[in-house]
N, C-alpha and C. Protein backbone atom coordinates (compact mmCIF):
# COMPACT_ATOMS: atom_id res chain seq x y z
N MET A 1 82.66 -30.23 144.93
CA MET A 1 83.51 -31.24 144.35
C MET A 1 84.44 -31.85 145.43
N ARG A 2 84.81 -31.03 146.37
CA ARG A 2 85.68 -31.51 147.43
C ARG A 2 84.98 -32.54 148.30
N ILE A 3 83.69 -32.40 148.56
CA ILE A 3 82.90 -33.33 149.35
C ILE A 3 82.80 -34.66 148.63
N ALA A 4 82.59 -34.64 147.32
CA ALA A 4 82.51 -35.88 146.55
C ALA A 4 83.83 -36.61 146.55
N SER A 5 84.94 -35.85 146.49
CA SER A 5 86.27 -36.47 146.53
C SER A 5 86.53 -37.10 147.92
N GLN A 6 86.15 -36.41 148.96
CA GLN A 6 86.33 -36.96 150.32
C GLN A 6 85.47 -38.24 150.51
N PHE A 7 84.25 -38.21 149.99
CA PHE A 7 83.37 -39.40 150.09
C PHE A 7 83.96 -40.57 149.35
N TRP A 8 84.55 -40.30 148.17
CA TRP A 8 85.14 -41.37 147.36
C TRP A 8 86.35 -41.99 148.01
N MET A 9 87.15 -41.21 148.71
CA MET A 9 88.37 -41.69 149.36
C MET A 9 88.10 -42.25 150.76
N ASP A 10 86.92 -42.09 151.29
CA ASP A 10 86.61 -42.53 152.66
C ASP A 10 86.59 -44.06 152.72
N GLU A 11 87.29 -44.64 153.67
CA GLU A 11 87.36 -46.11 153.83
C GLU A 11 86.86 -46.54 155.19
N ILE A 12 86.05 -45.79 155.85
CA ILE A 12 85.59 -46.12 157.17
C ILE A 12 84.65 -47.34 157.13
N GLY A 13 83.81 -47.40 156.13
CA GLY A 13 82.81 -48.47 156.07
C GLY A 13 83.23 -49.59 155.12
N SER A 14 84.50 -49.74 154.77
CA SER A 14 84.93 -50.77 153.83
C SER A 14 84.93 -52.15 154.51
N VAL A 15 84.76 -53.16 153.67
CA VAL A 15 84.70 -54.54 154.14
C VAL A 15 85.90 -55.28 153.55
N SER A 16 86.55 -56.08 154.36
CA SER A 16 87.73 -56.80 153.86
C SER A 16 87.29 -57.94 152.93
N PRO A 17 88.10 -58.29 151.97
CA PRO A 17 87.77 -59.41 151.09
C PRO A 17 87.60 -60.73 151.82
N PHE A 18 88.37 -60.94 152.87
CA PHE A 18 88.29 -62.16 153.65
C PHE A 18 86.89 -62.28 154.30
N ALA A 19 86.39 -61.18 154.82
CA ALA A 19 85.06 -61.22 155.45
C ALA A 19 83.98 -61.49 154.41
N THR A 20 84.14 -60.94 153.22
CA THR A 20 83.17 -61.18 152.16
C THR A 20 83.18 -62.64 151.73
N VAL A 21 84.36 -63.23 151.56
CA VAL A 21 84.48 -64.65 151.16
C VAL A 21 83.89 -65.53 152.27
N LEU A 22 84.20 -65.23 153.51
CA LEU A 22 83.67 -66.02 154.63
C LEU A 22 82.15 -65.95 154.68
N LEU A 23 81.59 -64.79 154.51
CA LEU A 23 80.13 -64.62 154.54
C LEU A 23 79.49 -65.39 153.40
N MET A 24 80.04 -65.30 152.18
CA MET A 24 79.48 -66.01 151.05
C MET A 24 79.57 -67.52 151.22
N THR A 25 80.66 -68.00 151.81
CA THR A 25 80.81 -69.43 152.08
C THR A 25 79.77 -69.92 153.06
N ILE A 26 79.54 -69.19 154.11
CA ILE A 26 78.52 -69.57 155.10
C ILE A 26 77.14 -69.56 154.46
N LEU A 27 76.84 -68.55 153.65
CA LEU A 27 75.53 -68.51 152.99
C LEU A 27 75.35 -69.66 152.03
N LEU A 28 76.40 -70.02 151.26
CA LEU A 28 76.32 -71.13 150.33
C LEU A 28 76.13 -72.46 151.06
N LEU A 29 76.86 -72.65 152.16
CA LEU A 29 76.70 -73.92 152.91
C LEU A 29 75.31 -74.01 153.56
N GLY A 30 74.71 -72.91 153.87
CA GLY A 30 73.34 -72.92 154.41
C GLY A 30 72.29 -73.07 153.34
N LEU A 31 72.62 -72.63 152.12
CA LEU A 31 71.65 -72.67 151.02
C LEU A 31 71.52 -74.07 150.45
N LEU A 32 72.61 -74.81 150.38
CA LEU A 32 72.57 -76.14 149.74
C LEU A 32 71.59 -77.12 150.41
N PRO A 33 71.62 -77.31 151.71
CA PRO A 33 70.64 -78.22 152.34
C PRO A 33 69.21 -77.74 152.15
N GLY A 34 69.02 -76.45 152.13
CA GLY A 34 67.67 -75.91 151.91
C GLY A 34 67.15 -76.23 150.54
N VAL A 35 67.99 -76.15 149.52
CA VAL A 35 67.58 -76.46 148.14
C VAL A 35 67.33 -77.95 147.99
N VAL A 36 68.16 -78.78 148.62
CA VAL A 36 67.95 -80.22 148.57
C VAL A 36 66.62 -80.60 149.24
N THR A 37 66.35 -80.00 150.39
CA THR A 37 65.09 -80.27 151.08
C THR A 37 63.90 -79.83 150.25
N LEU A 38 64.02 -78.66 149.60
CA LEU A 38 62.94 -78.19 148.75
C LEU A 38 62.72 -79.15 147.59
N ARG A 39 63.78 -79.65 146.98
CA ARG A 39 63.64 -80.63 145.91
C ARG A 39 62.92 -81.88 146.36
N ASP A 40 63.30 -82.41 147.52
CA ASP A 40 62.70 -83.63 148.04
C ASP A 40 61.22 -83.41 148.33
N GLN A 41 60.85 -82.26 148.87
CA GLN A 41 59.46 -81.98 149.21
C GLN A 41 58.62 -81.83 147.93
N ILE A 42 59.20 -81.24 146.89
CA ILE A 42 58.48 -81.09 145.64
C ILE A 42 58.21 -82.47 145.02
N VAL A 43 59.21 -83.35 145.05
CA VAL A 43 59.02 -84.70 144.52
C VAL A 43 57.95 -85.43 145.31
N GLN A 44 57.98 -85.28 146.65
CA GLN A 44 56.95 -85.94 147.48
C GLN A 44 55.58 -85.41 147.16
N GLU A 45 55.46 -84.09 146.93
CA GLU A 45 54.17 -83.50 146.62
C GLU A 45 53.65 -84.00 145.27
N PHE A 46 54.54 -84.15 144.29
CA PHE A 46 54.12 -84.69 143.01
C PHE A 46 53.60 -86.15 143.20
N GLY A 47 54.27 -86.91 144.04
CA GLY A 47 53.80 -88.28 144.32
C GLY A 47 52.43 -88.25 144.99
N ASP A 48 52.24 -87.34 145.94
CA ASP A 48 50.94 -87.24 146.60
C ASP A 48 49.82 -86.83 145.63
N VAL A 49 50.15 -85.93 144.71
CA VAL A 49 49.17 -85.54 143.68
C VAL A 49 48.84 -86.70 142.79
N ALA A 50 49.86 -87.50 142.46
CA ALA A 50 49.60 -88.70 141.60
C ALA A 50 48.71 -89.67 142.32
N VAL A 51 48.94 -89.88 143.63
CA VAL A 51 48.06 -90.77 144.40
C VAL A 51 46.64 -90.23 144.46
N ALA A 52 46.52 -88.92 144.65
CA ALA A 52 45.18 -88.32 144.71
C ALA A 52 44.44 -88.46 143.40
N ILE A 53 45.13 -88.24 142.31
CA ILE A 53 44.49 -88.36 140.99
C ILE A 53 44.09 -89.80 140.72
N GLU A 54 44.97 -90.73 141.09
CA GLU A 54 44.70 -92.14 140.81
C GLU A 54 43.60 -92.71 141.72
N SER A 55 43.36 -92.08 142.85
CA SER A 55 42.36 -92.60 143.76
C SER A 55 40.98 -91.95 143.61
N PHE A 56 40.80 -91.17 142.55
CA PHE A 56 39.49 -90.64 142.27
C PHE A 56 38.52 -91.81 142.02
N ASP A 57 37.37 -91.78 142.66
CA ASP A 57 36.37 -92.83 142.46
C ASP A 57 35.46 -92.41 141.32
N GLN A 58 35.52 -93.13 140.21
CA GLN A 58 34.75 -92.77 139.04
C GLN A 58 33.53 -93.70 138.87
N SER A 59 33.11 -94.31 139.94
CA SER A 59 31.94 -95.18 139.89
C SER A 59 30.68 -94.36 139.67
N TYR A 60 29.74 -94.92 138.95
CA TYR A 60 28.46 -94.28 138.76
C TYR A 60 27.36 -95.32 138.57
N SER A 61 26.15 -94.87 138.80
CA SER A 61 24.99 -95.74 138.60
C SER A 61 23.78 -94.86 138.36
N TYR A 62 23.01 -95.17 137.33
CA TYR A 62 21.77 -94.43 137.11
C TYR A 62 20.77 -95.35 136.43
N SER A 63 19.51 -95.03 136.63
CA SER A 63 18.41 -95.81 136.04
C SER A 63 17.56 -94.88 135.19
N PHE A 64 17.13 -95.38 134.02
CA PHE A 64 16.27 -94.60 133.13
C PHE A 64 15.31 -95.58 132.47
N ASN A 65 14.02 -95.37 132.76
CA ASN A 65 12.96 -96.22 132.21
C ASN A 65 13.19 -97.70 132.52
N GLY A 66 13.61 -97.97 133.74
CA GLY A 66 13.81 -99.36 134.18
C GLY A 66 15.12 -99.97 133.75
N VAL A 67 15.93 -99.26 132.98
CA VAL A 67 17.24 -99.76 132.57
C VAL A 67 18.30 -99.12 133.46
N THR A 68 19.14 -99.94 134.09
CA THR A 68 20.17 -99.44 134.98
C THR A 68 21.53 -99.58 134.32
N SER A 69 22.26 -98.49 134.40
CA SER A 69 23.64 -98.49 133.89
C SER A 69 24.55 -98.15 135.05
N GLU A 70 25.59 -98.91 135.19
CA GLU A 70 26.50 -98.63 136.32
C GLU A 70 27.92 -99.03 135.95
N TYR A 71 28.86 -98.42 136.63
CA TYR A 71 30.27 -98.72 136.51
C TYR A 71 30.86 -98.64 137.91
N ILE A 72 31.55 -99.68 138.34
CA ILE A 72 32.19 -99.70 139.65
C ILE A 72 33.70 -99.67 139.46
N ASP A 73 34.29 -98.59 139.93
CA ASP A 73 35.76 -98.44 139.84
C ASP A 73 36.38 -99.17 141.01
N SER A 74 37.19 -100.17 140.73
CA SER A 74 37.75 -100.98 141.80
C SER A 74 39.25 -100.79 142.01
N SER A 75 39.84 -99.86 141.31
CA SER A 75 41.29 -99.66 141.49
C SER A 75 41.56 -98.95 142.79
N SER A 76 42.66 -99.33 143.44
CA SER A 76 43.07 -98.68 144.67
C SER A 76 44.56 -98.58 144.71
N ILE A 77 45.06 -97.62 145.45
CA ILE A 77 46.51 -97.43 145.59
C ILE A 77 46.76 -96.95 147.00
N SER A 78 47.91 -97.32 147.57
CA SER A 78 48.25 -96.90 148.93
C SER A 78 49.59 -96.18 148.91
N ASP A 79 49.77 -95.29 149.83
CA ASP A 79 50.98 -94.51 149.95
C ASP A 79 51.47 -94.58 151.39
N PRO A 80 52.24 -95.61 151.77
CA PRO A 80 52.67 -95.77 153.16
C PRO A 80 53.58 -94.64 153.60
N VAL A 81 53.62 -94.38 154.91
CA VAL A 81 54.47 -93.36 155.45
C VAL A 81 55.93 -93.75 155.33
N ASN A 82 56.81 -92.79 155.05
CA ASN A 82 58.24 -92.97 154.91
C ASN A 82 58.64 -93.91 153.77
N GLU A 83 57.80 -94.02 152.80
CA GLU A 83 58.12 -94.80 151.60
C GLU A 83 58.17 -93.85 150.42
N ALA A 84 58.70 -94.33 149.30
CA ALA A 84 58.72 -93.53 148.08
C ALA A 84 57.28 -93.25 147.66
N PRO A 85 57.03 -92.12 147.01
CA PRO A 85 55.66 -91.82 146.57
C PRO A 85 55.12 -92.92 145.67
N ALA A 86 53.86 -93.28 145.86
CA ALA A 86 53.29 -94.40 145.15
C ALA A 86 53.13 -94.11 143.67
N GLY A 87 53.02 -92.86 143.27
CA GLY A 87 52.84 -92.52 141.88
C GLY A 87 54.12 -92.47 141.11
N LEU A 88 55.27 -92.58 141.77
CA LEU A 88 56.55 -92.47 141.09
C LEU A 88 57.32 -93.76 141.26
N ASP A 89 57.95 -94.23 140.19
CA ASP A 89 58.78 -95.43 140.27
C ASP A 89 60.21 -95.00 140.35
N LEU A 90 60.83 -95.14 141.53
CA LEU A 90 62.17 -94.70 141.75
C LEU A 90 63.21 -95.81 141.64
N THR A 91 62.82 -96.96 141.15
CA THR A 91 63.74 -98.09 141.02
C THR A 91 64.18 -98.26 139.57
N ILE A 92 65.38 -98.73 139.40
CA ILE A 92 65.89 -99.02 138.08
C ILE A 92 66.07 -100.53 138.01
N SER A 93 65.37 -101.14 137.09
CA SER A 93 65.42 -102.59 137.00
C SER A 93 66.64 -103.04 136.21
N ALA A 94 67.29 -104.09 136.65
CA ALA A 94 68.44 -104.62 135.97
C ALA A 94 68.02 -105.48 134.81
N THR A 95 68.69 -105.33 133.72
CA THR A 95 68.35 -106.15 132.55
C THR A 95 69.53 -107.04 132.22
N SER A 96 69.27 -108.25 131.83
CA SER A 96 70.33 -109.17 131.44
C SER A 96 70.26 -109.38 129.94
N GLU A 97 71.40 -109.50 129.33
CA GLU A 97 71.45 -109.67 127.86
C GLU A 97 71.92 -111.03 127.51
C-alpha cells in the first residue's frame, strides 16, 4: 500500500498546463491546413470522376443479316489544368427581379 501511495504522490513526470496548451495549439494549427487540403483534393477527385464518367464512349455498331445498327456518341468534355473540375459548377449566377 505504501508503494501505491508513493506512486500516486510522485510528480517527477508531471506536465505543466502551459506546455499542454502550447502543444495542443501547435497541433491544431498544423491540423487545419491539412484538413483544408484534404477537402480540396476530395472535391478535385470528385470532379475528375465526373469527367471520367462523362467521357465514356458509348458508340457502337453491329450488322446482322445485312442490316447495320450504329450509334455514335459525340459528346466531349475537357478539364484544363488549374481550373475548377469540369463536372462541378462552382459559380453562383446572379438573378435580377
